[in-house]
Amino acid sequence: ELFELALAGDVRAISGGVFGLSEARAAH
């Protein structure tokens, strides 16, 4: 259902940031 809502444009994800694997500490 979530995928269907996303494809319909009713629910979208919000990016909080993309960190490198080496930046896991900074992500936490």
mmCIF file of all heavy atoms, coordinates in Angstrom:
data_MODEL
# 
_entry.id   MODEL 
# 
loop_
_atom_site.group_PDB 
_atom_site.id 
_atom_site.type_symbol 
_atom_site.label_atom_id 
_atom_site.label_alt_id 
_atom_site.label_comp_id 
_atom_site.label_asym_id 
_atom_site.label_entity_id 
_atom_site.label_seq_id 
_atom_site.pdbx_PDB_ins_code 
_atom_site.Cartn_x 
_atom_site.Cartn_y 
_atom_site.Cartn_z 
_atom_site.occupancy 
_atom_site.B_iso_or_equiv 
_atom_site.pdbx_formal_charge 
_atom_site.auth_seq_id 
_atom_site.auth_comp_id 
_atom_site.auth_asym_id 
_atom_site.auth_atom_id 
_atom_site.pdbx_PDB_model_num 
ATOM 1   N N   . GLU A 1 1  ? 0.826  -1.206 0.000  1.00 0.00 ? 1  GLU A N   1 
ATOM 2   C CA  . GLU A 1 1  ? 0.000  0.000  0.000  1.00 0.00 ? 1  GLU A CA  1 
ATOM 3   C C   . GLU A 1 1  ? 0.864  1.260  0.000  1.00 0.00 ? 1  GLU A C   1 
ATOM 4   O O   . GLU A 1 1  ? 0.541  2.249  -0.678 1.00 0.00 ? 1  GLU A O   1 
ATOM 5   C CB  . GLU A 1 1  ? -0.944 0.007  1.201  1.00 0.00 ? 1  GLU A CB  1 
ATOM 6   C CG  . GLU A 1 1  ? -1.917 1.190  1.169  1.00 0.00 ? 1  GLU A CG  1 
ATOM 7   C CD  . GLU A 1 1  ? -3.048 1.082  2.167  1.00 0.00 ? 1  GLU A CD  1 
ATOM 8   O OE1 . GLU A 1 1  ? -3.052 0.132  2.996  1.00 0.00 ? 1  GLU A OE1 1 
ATOM 9   O OE2 . GLU A 1 1  ? -3.936 1.953  2.122  1.00 0.00 ? 1  GLU A OE2 1 
ATOM 10  N N   . LEU A 1 2  ? 1.951  1.227  0.732  1.00 0.00 ? 2  LEU A N   1 
ATOM 11  C CA  . LEU A 1 2  ? 2.845  2.385  0.753  1.00 0.00 ? 2  LEU A CA  1 
ATOM 12  C C   . LEU A 1 2  ? 3.457  2.639  -0.621 1.00 0.00 ? 2  LEU A C   1 
ATOM 13  O O   . LEU A 1 2  ? 3.532  3.792  -1.076 1.00 0.00 ? 2  LEU A O   1 
ATOM 14  C CB  . LEU A 1 2  ? 3.947  2.177  1.801  1.00 0.00 ? 2  LEU A CB  1 
ATOM 15  C CG  . LEU A 1 2  ? 3.494  2.264  3.260  1.00 0.00 ? 2  LEU A CG  1 
ATOM 16  C CD1 . LEU A 1 2  ? 4.566  1.699  4.189  1.00 0.00 ? 2  LEU A CD1 1 
ATOM 17  C CD2 . LEU A 1 2  ? 3.162  3.700  3.655  1.00 0.00 ? 2  LEU A CD2 1 
ATOM 18  N N   . PHE A 1 3  ? 3.884  1.581  -1.300 1.00 0.00 ? 3  PHE A N   1 
ATOM 19  C CA  . PHE A 1 3  ? 4.425  1.756  -2.647 1.00 0.00 ? 3  PHE A CA  1 
ATOM 20  C C   . PHE A 1 3  ? 3.363  2.326  -3.589 1.00 0.00 ? 3  PHE A C   1 
ATOM 21  O O   . PHE A 1 3  ? 3.644  3.198  -4.417 1.00 0.00 ? 3  PHE A O   1 
ATOM 22  C CB  . PHE A 1 3  ? 4.952  0.429  -3.193 1.00 0.00 ? 3  PHE A CB  1 
ATOM 23  C CG  . PHE A 1 3  ? 6.308  0.025  -2.669 1.00 0.00 ? 3  PHE A CG  1 
ATOM 24  C CD1 . PHE A 1 3  ? 6.606  -1.314 -2.412 1.00 0.00 ? 3  PHE A CD1 1 
ATOM 25  C CD2 . PHE A 1 3  ? 7.298  0.968  -2.455 1.00 0.00 ? 3  PHE A CD2 1 
ATOM 26  C CE1 . PHE A 1 3  ? 7.854  -1.692 -1.951 1.00 0.00 ? 3  PHE A CE1 1 
ATOM 27  C CE2 . PHE A 1 3  ? 8.561  0.598  -1.983 1.00 0.00 ? 3  PHE A CE2 1 
ATOM 28  C CZ  . PHE A 1 3  ? 8.832  -0.741 -1.735 1.00 0.00 ? 3  PHE A CZ  1 
ATOM 29  N N   . GLU A 1 4  ? 2.130  1.839  -3.469 1.00 0.00 ? 4  GLU A N   1 
ATOM 30  C CA  . GLU A 1 4  ? 1.047  2.342  -4.316 1.00 0.00 ? 4  GLU A CA  1 
ATOM 31  C C   . GLU A 1 4  ? 0.800  3.831  -4.053 1.00 0.00 ? 4  GLU A C   1 
ATOM 32  O O   . GLU A 1 4  ? 0.597  4.611  -5.001 1.00 0.00 ? 4  GLU A O   1 
ATOM 33  C CB  . GLU A 1 4  ? -0.229 1.542  -4.053 1.00 0.00 ? 4  GLU A CB  1 
ATOM 34  C CG  . GLU A 1 4  ? -0.182 0.116  -4.568 1.00 0.00 ? 4  GLU A CG  1 
ATOM 35  C CD  . GLU A 1 4  ? -1.378 -0.701 -4.109 1.00 0.00 ? 4  GLU A CD  1 
ATOM 36  O OE1 . GLU A 1 4  ? -2.280 -0.128 -3.450 1.00 0.00 ? 4  GLU A OE1 1 
ATOM 37  O OE2 . GLU A 1 4  ? -1.415 -1.910 -4.406 1.00 0.00 ? 4  GLU A OE2 1 
ATOM 38  N N   . LEU A 1 5  ? 0.814  4.228  -2.791 1.00 0.00 ? 5  LEU A N   1 
ATOM 39  C CA  . LEU A 1 5  ? 0.602  5.631  -2.456 1.00 0.00 ? 5  LEU A CA  1 
ATOM 40  C C   . LEU A 1 5  ? 1.734  6.500  -2.982 1.00 0.00 ? 5  LEU A C   1 
ATOM 41  O O   . LEU A 1 5  ? 1.509  7.631  -3.426 1.00 0.00 ? 5  LEU A O   1 
ATOM 42  C CB  . LEU A 1 5  ? 0.476  5.782  -0.933 1.00 0.00 ? 5  LEU A CB  1 
ATOM 43  C CG  . LEU A 1 5  ? -0.823 5.248  -0.314 1.00 0.00 ? 5  LEU A CG  1 
ATOM 44  C CD1 . LEU A 1 5  ? -0.689 5.139  1.207  1.00 0.00 ? 5  LEU A CD1 1 
ATOM 45  C CD2 . LEU A 1 5  ? -2.006 6.144  -0.673 1.00 0.00 ? 5  LEU A CD2 1 
ATOM 46  N N   . ALA A 1 6  ? 2.953  5.968  -2.944 1.00 0.00 ? 6  ALA A N   1 
ATOM 47  C CA  . ALA A 1 6  ? 4.091  6.722  -3.458 1.00 0.00 ? 6  ALA A CA  1 
ATOM 48  C C   . ALA A 1 6  ? 3.985  6.906  -4.967 1.00 0.00 ? 6  ALA A C   1 
ATOM 49  O O   . ALA A 1 6  ? 4.201  8.007  -5.494 1.00 0.00 ? 6  ALA A O   1 
ATOM 50  C CB  . ALA A 1 6  ? 5.398  6.010  -3.111 1.00 0.00 ? 6  ALA A CB  1 
ATOM 51  N N   . LEU A 1 7  ? 3.628  5.843  -5.670 1.00 0.00 ? 7  LEU A N   1 
ATOM 52  C CA  . LEU A 1 7  ? 3.515  5.920  -7.123 1.00 0.00 ? 7  LEU A CA  1 
ATOM 53  C C   . LEU A 1 7  ? 2.368  6.836  -7.542 1.00 0.00 ? 7  LEU A C   1 
ATOM 54  O O   . LEU A 1 7  ? 2.419  7.470  -8.608 1.00 0.00 ? 7  LEU A O   1 
ATOM 55  C CB  . LEU A 1 7  ? 3.323  4.516  -7.704 1.00 0.00 ? 7  LEU A CB  1 
ATOM 56  C CG  . LEU A 1 7  ? 4.552  3.607  -7.617 1.00 0.00 ? 7  LEU A CG  1 
ATOM 57  C CD1 . LEU A 1 7  ? 4.190  2.175  -7.980 1.00 0.00 ? 7  LEU A CD1 1 
ATOM 58  C CD2 . LEU A 1 7  ? 5.668  4.120  -8.522 1.00 0.00 ? 7  LEU A CD2 1 
ATOM 59  N N   . ALA A 1 8  ? 1.342  6.937  -6.692 1.00 0.00 ? 8  ALA A N   1 
ATOM 60  C CA  . ALA A 1 8  ? 0.211  7.818  -6.977 1.00 0.00 ? 8  ALA A CA  1 
ATOM 61  C C   . ALA A 1 8  ? 0.486  9.264  -6.583 1.00 0.00 ? 8  ALA A C   1 
ATOM 62  O O   . ALA A 1 8  ? -0.317 10.152 -6.882 1.00 0.00 ? 8  ALA A O   1 
ATOM 63  C CB  . ALA A 1 8  ? -1.038 7.320  -6.247 1.00 0.00 ? 8  ALA A CB  1 
ATOM 64  N N   . GLY A 1 9  ? 1.618  9.486  -5.910 1.00 0.00 ? 9  GLY A N   1 
ATOM 65  C CA  . GLY A 1 9  ? 1.965  10.836 -5.492 1.00 0.00 ? 9  GLY A CA  1 
ATOM 66  C C   . GLY A 1 9  ? 1.308  11.283 -4.212 1.00 0.00 ? 9  GLY A C   1 
ATOM 67  O O   . GLY A 1 9  ? 1.341  12.472 -3.863 1.00 0.00 ? 9  GLY A O   1 
ATOM 68  N N   . ASP A 1 10 ? 0.714  10.344 -3.453 1.00 0.00 ? 10 ASP A N   1 
ATOM 69  C CA  . ASP A 1 10 ? 0.015  10.700 -2.221 1.00 0.00 ? 10 ASP A CA  1 
ATOM 70  C C   . ASP A 1 10 ? 0.918  10.691 -0.995 1.00 0.00 ? 10 ASP A C   1 
ATOM 71  O O   . ASP A 1 10 ? 0.578  11.280 0.035  1.00 0.00 ? 10 ASP A O   1 
ATOM 72  C CB  . ASP A 1 10 ? -1.155 9.737  -1.988 1.00 0.00 ? 10 ASP A CB  1 
ATOM 73  C CG  . ASP A 1 10 ? -2.240 9.892  -3.036 1.00 0.00 ? 10 ASP A CG  1 
ATOM 74  O OD1 . ASP A 1 10 ? -2.456 11.030 -3.492 1.00 0.00 ? 10 ASP A OD1 1 
ATOM 75  O OD2 . ASP A 1 10 ? -2.850 8.879  -3.418 1.00 0.00 ? 10 ASP A OD2 1 
ATOM 76  N N   . VAL A 1 11 ? 2.033  9.993  -1.056 1.00 0.00 ? 11 VAL A N   1 
ATOM 77  C CA  . VAL A 1 11 ? 2.999  9.950  0.043  1.00 0.00 ? 11 VAL A CA  1 
ATOM 78  C C   . VAL A 1 11 ? 4.399  10.077 -0.552 1.00 0.00 ? 11 VAL A C   1 
ATOM 79  O O   . VAL A 1 11 ? 4.720  9.392  -1.531 1.00 0.00 ? 11 VAL A O   1 
ATOM 80  C CB  . VAL A 1 11 ? 2.901  8.634  0.853  1.00 0.00 ? 11 VAL A CB  1 
ATOM 81  C CG1 . VAL A 1 11 ? 4.007  8.560  1.893  1.00 0.00 ? 11 VAL A CG1 1 
ATOM 82  C CG2 . VAL A 1 11 ? 1.551  8.523  1.540  1.00 0.00 ? 11 VAL A CG2 1 
ATOM 83  N N   . ARG A 1 12 ? 5.199  10.957 0.013  1.00 0.00 ? 12 ARG A N   1 
ATOM 84  C CA  . ARG A 1 12 ? 6.575  11.101 -0.455 1.00 0.00 ? 12 ARG A CA  1 
ATOM 85  C C   . ARG A 1 12 ? 7.536  11.039 0.725  1.00 0.00 ? 12 ARG A C   1 
ATOM 86  O O   . ARG A 1 12 ? 7.189  11.402 1.850  1.00 0.00 ? 12 ARG A O   1 
ATOM 87  C CB  . ARG A 1 12 ? 6.755  12.416 -1.209 1.00 0.00 ? 12 ARG A CB  1 
ATOM 88  C CG  . ARG A 1 12 ? 6.504  13.680 -0.405 1.00 0.00 ? 12 ARG A CG  1 
ATOM 89  C CD  . ARG A 1 12 ? 6.559  14.910 -1.303 1.00 0.00 ? 12 ARG A CD  1 
ATOM 90  N NE  . ARG A 1 12 ? 6.220  16.145 -0.604 1.00 0.00 ? 12 ARG A NE  1 
ATOM 91  C CZ  . ARG A 1 12 ? 7.119  16.974 -0.083 1.00 0.00 ? 12 ARG A CZ  1 
ATOM 92  N NH1 . ARG A 1 12 ? 8.415  16.682 -0.163 1.00 0.00 ? 12 ARG A NH1 1 
ATOM 93  N NH2 . ARG A 1 12 ? 6.745  18.088 0.517  1.00 0.00 ? 12 ARG A NH2 1 
ATOM 94  N N   . ALA A 1 13 ? 8.724  10.539 0.436  1.00 0.00 ? 13 ALA A N   1 
ATOM 95  C CA  . ALA A 1 13 ? 9.755  10.452 1.469  1.00 0.00 ? 13 ALA A CA  1 
ATOM 96  C C   . ALA A 1 13 ? 10.496 11.777 1.562  1.00 0.00 ? 13 ALA A C   1 
ATOM 97  O O   . ALA A 1 13 ? 10.678 12.478 0.566  1.00 0.00 ? 13 ALA A O   1 
ATOM 98  C CB  . ALA A 1 13 ? 10.730 9.334  1.142  1.00 0.00 ? 13 ALA A CB  1 
ATOM 99  N N   . ILE A 1 14 ? 10.919 12.105 2.773  1.00 0.00 ? 14 ILE A N   1 
ATOM 100 C CA  . ILE A 1 14 ? 11.698 13.318 3.022  1.00 0.00 ? 14 ILE A CA  1 
ATOM 101 C C   . ILE A 1 14 ? 13.117 12.903 3.399  1.00 0.00 ? 14 ILE A C   1 
ATOM 102 O O   . ILE A 1 14 ? 13.314 12.144 4.352  1.00 0.00 ? 14 ILE A O   1 
ATOM 103 C CB  . ILE A 1 14 ? 11.084 14.154 4.159  1.00 0.00 ? 14 ILE A CB  1 
ATOM 104 C CG1 . ILE A 1 14 ? 9.634  14.519 3.832  1.00 0.00 ? 14 ILE A CG1 1 
ATOM 105 C CG2 . ILE A 1 14 ? 11.915 15.411 4.407  1.00 0.00 ? 14 ILE A CG2 1 
ATOM 106 C CD1 . ILE A 1 14 ? 9.446  15.340 2.584  1.00 0.00 ? 14 ILE A CD1 1 
ATOM 107 N N   . SER A 1 15 ? 14.092 13.389 2.659  1.00 0.00 ? 15 SER A N   1 
ATOM 108 C CA  . SER A 1 15 ? 15.484 13.051 2.958  1.00 0.00 ? 15 SER A CA  1 
ATOM 109 C C   . SER A 1 15 ? 15.989 13.876 4.135  1.00 0.00 ? 15 SER A C   1 
ATOM 110 O O   . SER A 1 15 ? 15.879 15.098 4.148  1.00 0.00 ? 15 SER A O   1 
ATOM 111 C CB  . SER A 1 15 ? 16.366 13.314 1.735  1.00 0.00 ? 15 SER A CB  1 
ATOM 112 O OG  . SER A 1 15 ? 17.726 13.092 2.063  1.00 0.00 ? 15 SER A OG  1 
ATOM 113 N N   . GLY A 1 16 ? 16.552 13.175 5.105  1.00 0.00 ? 16 GLY A N   1 
ATOM 114 C CA  . GLY A 1 16 ? 17.165 13.860 6.240  1.00 0.00 ? 16 GLY A CA  1 
ATOM 115 C C   . GLY A 1 16 ? 18.667 13.975 6.095  1.00 0.00 ? 16 GLY A C   1 
ATOM 116 O O   . GLY A 1 16 ? 19.348 14.503 6.979  1.00 0.00 ? 16 GLY A O   1 
ATOM 117 N N   . GLY A 1 17 ? 19.185 13.462 4.987  1.00 0.00 ? 17 GLY A N   1 
ATOM 118 C CA  . GLY A 1 17 ? 20.616 13.531 4.745  1.00 0.00 ? 17 GLY A CA  1 
ATOM 119 C C   . GLY A 1 17 ? 21.178 12.189 4.333  1.00 0.00 ? 17 GLY A C   1 
ATOM 120 O O   . GLY A 1 17 ? 20.752 11.147 4.838  1.00 0.00 ? 17 GLY A O   1 
ATOM 121 N N   . VAL A 1 18 ? 22.099 12.227 3.379  1.00 0.00 ? 18 VAL A N   1 
ATOM 122 C CA  . VAL A 1 18 ? 22.799 11.019 2.942  1.00 0.00 ? 18 VAL A CA  1 
ATOM 123 C C   . VAL A 1 18 ? 24.243 11.121 3.418  1.00 0.00 ? 18 VAL A C   1 
ATOM 124 O O   . VAL A 1 18 ? 24.970 12.045 3.047  1.00 0.00 ? 18 VAL A O   1 
ATOM 125 C CB  . VAL A 1 18 ? 22.749 10.866 1.407  1.00 0.00 ? 18 VAL A CB  1 
ATOM 126 C CG1 . VAL A 1 18 ? 23.506 9.613  0.985  1.00 0.00 ? 18 VAL A CG1 1 
ATOM 127 C CG2 . VAL A 1 18 ? 21.301 10.800 0.928  1.00 0.00 ? 18 VAL A CG2 1 
ATOM 128 N N   . PHE A 1 19 ? 24.658 10.179 4.251  1.00 0.00 ? 19 PHE A N   1 
ATOM 129 C CA  . PHE A 1 19 ? 26.000 10.139 4.816  1.00 0.00 ? 19 PHE A CA  1 
ATOM 130 C C   . PHE A 1 19 ? 26.771 8.981  4.195  1.00 0.00 ? 19 PHE A C   1 
ATOM 131 O O   . PHE A 1 19 ? 26.188 7.955  3.840  1.00 0.00 ? 19 PHE A O   1 
ATOM 132 C CB  . PHE A 1 19 ? 25.944 9.941  6.335  1.00 0.00 ? 19 PHE A CB  1 
ATOM 133 C CG  . PHE A 1 19 ? 25.287 11.059 7.096  1.00 0.00 ? 19 PHE A CG  1 
ATOM 134 C CD1 . PHE A 1 19 ? 23.904 11.175 7.124  1.00 0.00 ? 19 PHE A CD1 1 
ATOM 135 C CD2 . PHE A 1 19 ? 26.048 11.984 7.799  1.00 0.00 ? 19 PHE A CD2 1 
ATOM 136 C CE1 . PHE A 1 19 ? 23.293 12.206 7.839  1.00 0.00 ? 19 PHE A CE1 1 
ATOM 137 C CE2 . PHE A 1 19 ? 25.450 13.010 8.511  1.00 0.00 ? 19 PHE A CE2 1 
ATOM 138 C CZ  . PHE A 1 19 ? 24.069 13.125 8.524  1.00 0.00 ? 19 PHE A CZ  1 
ATOM 139 N N   . GLY A 1 20 ? 28.072 9.129  4.083  1.00 0.00 ? 20 GLY A N   1 
ATOM 140 C CA  . GLY A 1 20 ? 28.891 8.008  3.675  1.00 0.00 ? 20 GLY A CA  1 
ATOM 141 C C   . GLY A 1 20 ? 28.947 6.961  4.771  1.00 0.00 ? 20 GLY A C   1 
ATOM 142 O O   . GLY A 1 20 ? 28.704 7.261  5.954  1.00 0.00 ? 20 GLY A O   1 
ATOM 143 N N   . LEU A 1 21 ? 29.263 5.721  4.400  1.00 0.00 ? 21 LEU A N   1 
ATOM 144 C CA  . LEU A 1 21 ? 29.406 4.670  5.406  1.00 0.00 ? 21 LEU A CA  1 
ATOM 145 C C   . LEU A 1 21 ? 30.430 5.086  6.459  1.00 0.00 ? 21 LEU A C   1 
ATOM 146 O O   . LEU A 1 21 ? 30.258 4.814  7.653  1.00 0.00 ? 21 LEU A O   1 
ATOM 147 C CB  . LEU A 1 21 ? 29.837 3.367  4.723  1.00 0.00 ? 21 LEU A CB  1 
ATOM 148 C CG  . LEU A 1 21 ? 29.797 2.094  5.570  1.00 0.00 ? 21 LEU A CG  1 
ATOM 149 C CD1 . LEU A 1 21 ? 28.381 1.789  6.024  1.00 0.00 ? 21 LEU A CD1 1 
ATOM 150 C CD2 . LEU A 1 21 ? 30.359 0.917  4.759  1.00 0.00 ? 21 LEU A CD2 1 
ATOM 151 N N   . SER A 1 22 ? 31.476 5.782  6.026  1.00 0.00 ? 22 SER A N   1 
ATOM 152 C CA  . SER A 1 22 ? 32.516 6.249  6.947  1.00 0.00 ? 22 SER A CA  1 
ATOM 153 C C   . SER A 1 22 ? 32.017 7.357  7.871  1.00 0.00 ? 22 SER A C   1 
ATOM 154 O O   . SER A 1 22 ? 32.707 7.736  8.813  1.00 0.00 ? 22 SER A O   1 
ATOM 155 C CB  . SER A 1 22 ? 33.728 6.752  6.161  1.00 0.00 ? 22 SER A CB  1 
ATOM 156 O OG  . SER A 1 22 ? 33.354 7.838  5.318  1.00 0.00 ? 22 SER A OG  1 
ATOM 157 N N   . GLU A 1 23 ? 30.822 7.884  7.590  1.00 0.00 ? 23 GLU A N   1 
ATOM 158 C CA  . GLU A 1 23 ? 30.263 8.974  8.385  1.00 0.00 ? 23 GLU A CA  1 
ATOM 159 C C   . GLU A 1 23 ? 29.124 8.508  9.284  1.00 0.00 ? 23 GLU A C   1 
ATOM 160 O O   . GLU A 1 23 ? 28.292 9.304  9.705  1.00 0.00 ? 23 GLU A O   1 
ATOM 161 C CB  . GLU A 1 23 ? 29.750 10.078 7.457  1.00 0.00 ? 23 GLU A CB  1 
ATOM 162 C CG  . GLU A 1 23 ? 30.813 10.687 6.560  1.00 0.00 ? 23 GLU A CG  1 
ATOM 163 C CD  . GLU A 1 23 ? 30.233 11.641 5.545  1.00 0.00 ? 23 GLU A CD  1 
ATOM 164 O OE1 . GLU A 1 23 ? 29.311 11.234 4.799  1.00 0.00 ? 23 GLU A OE1 1 
ATOM 165 O OE2 . GLU A 1 23 ? 30.686 12.804 5.498  1.00 0.00 ? 23 GLU A OE2 1 
ATOM 166 N N   . ALA A 1 24 ? 29.096 7.212  9.608  1.00 0.00 ? 24 ALA A N   1 
ATOM 167 C CA  . ALA A 1 24 ? 28.021 6.676  10.441 1.00 0.00 ? 24 ALA A CA  1 
ATOM 168 C C   . ALA A 1 24 ? 27.946 7.374  11.798 1.00 0.00 ? 24 ALA A C   1 
ATOM 169 O O   . ALA A 1 24 ? 26.861 7.639  12.319 1.00 0.00 ? 24 ALA A O   1 
ATOM 170 C CB  . ALA A 1 24 ? 28.203 5.170  10.628 1.00 0.00 ? 24 ALA A CB  1 
ATOM 171 N N   . ARG A 1 25 ? 29.121 7.674  12.361 1.00 0.00 ? 25 ARG A N   1 
ATOM 172 C CA  . ARG A 1 25 ? 29.121 8.383  13.650 1.00 0.00 ? 25 ARG A CA  1 
ATOM 173 C C   . ARG A 1 25 ? 28.411 9.724  13.527 1.00 0.00 ? 25 ARG A C   1 
ATOM 174 O O   . ARG A 1 25 ? 27.591 10.078 14.383 1.00 0.00 ? 25 ARG A O   1 
ATOM 175 C CB  . ARG A 1 25 ? 30.560 8.583  14.140 1.00 0.00 ? 25 ARG A CB  1 
ATOM 176 C CG  . ARG A 1 25 ? 30.660 9.448  15.387 1.00 0.00 ? 25 ARG A CG  1 
ATOM 177 C CD  . ARG A 1 25 ? 32.089 9.541  15.903 1.00 0.00 ? 25 ARG A CD  1 
ATOM 178 N NE  . ARG A 1 25 ? 32.179 10.450 17.038 1.00 0.00 ? 25 ARG A NE  1 
ATOM 179 C CZ  . ARG A 1 25 ? 33.267 10.627 17.785 1.00 0.00 ? 25 ARG A CZ  1 
ATOM 180 N NH1 . ARG A 1 25 ? 34.371 9.924  17.509 1.00 0.00 ? 25 ARG A NH1 1 
ATOM 181 N NH2 . ARG A 1 25 ? 33.272 11.463 18.802 1.00 0.00 ? 25 ARG A NH2 1 
ATOM 182 N N   . ALA A 1 26 ? 28.706 10.470 12.475 1.00 0.00 ? 26 ALA A N   1 
ATOM 183 C CA  . ALA A 1 26 ? 28.068 11.770 12.272 1.00 0.00 ? 26 ALA A CA  1 
ATOM 184 C C   . ALA A 1 26 ? 26.564 11.615 12.085 1.00 0.00 ? 26 ALA A C   1 
ATOM 185 O O   . ALA A 1 26 ? 25.774 12.454 12.548 1.00 0.00 ? 26 ALA A O   1 
ATOM 186 C CB  . ALA A 1 26 ? 28.684 12.479 11.072 1.00 0.00 ? 26 ALA A CB  1 
ATOM 187 N N   . ALA A 1 27 ? 26.145 10.532 11.416 1.00 0.00 ? 27 ALA A N   1 
ATOM 188 C CA  . ALA A 1 27 ? 24.718 10.283 11.224 1.00 0.00 ? 27 ALA A CA  1 
ATOM 189 C C   . ALA A 1 27 ? 24.026 10.052 12.563 1.00 0.00 ? 27 ALA A C   1 
ATOM 190 O O   . ALA A 1 27 ? 22.926 10.570 12.810 1.00 0.00 ? 27 ALA A O   1 
ATOM 191 C CB  . ALA A 1 27 ? 24.515 9.093  10.297 1.00 0.00 ? 27 ALA A CB  1 
ATOM 192 N N   . HIS A 1 28 ? 24.656 9.278  13.440 1.00 0.00 ? 28 HIS A N   1 
ATOM 193 C CA  . HIS A 1 28 ? 24.073 9.031  14.766 1.00 0.00 ? 28 HIS A CA  1 
ATOM 194 C C   . HIS A 1 28 ? 24.048 10.316 15.601 1.00 0.00 ? 28 HIS A C   1 
ATOM 195 O O   . HIS A 1 28 ? 23.081 10.572 16.329 1.00 0.00 ? 28 HIS A O   1 
ATOM 196 C CB  . HIS A 1 28 ? 24.856 7.942  15.498 1.00 0.00 ? 28 HIS A CB  1 
ATOM 197 C CG  . HIS A 1 28 ? 24.420 6.559  15.141 1.00 0.00 ? 28 HIS A CG  1 
ATOM 198 N ND1 . HIS A 1 28 ? 24.258 5.556  16.081 1.00 0.00 ? 28 HIS A ND1 1 
ATOM 199 C CD2 . HIS A 1 28 ? 24.089 6.006  13.946 1.00 0.00 ? 28 HIS A CD2 1 
ATOM 200 C CE1 . HIS A 1 28 ? 23.872 4.453  15.482 1.00 0.00 ? 28 HIS A CE1 1 
ATOM 201 N NE2 . HIS A 1 28 ? 23.765 4.696  14.178 1.00 0.00 ? 28 HIS A NE2 1 
# 
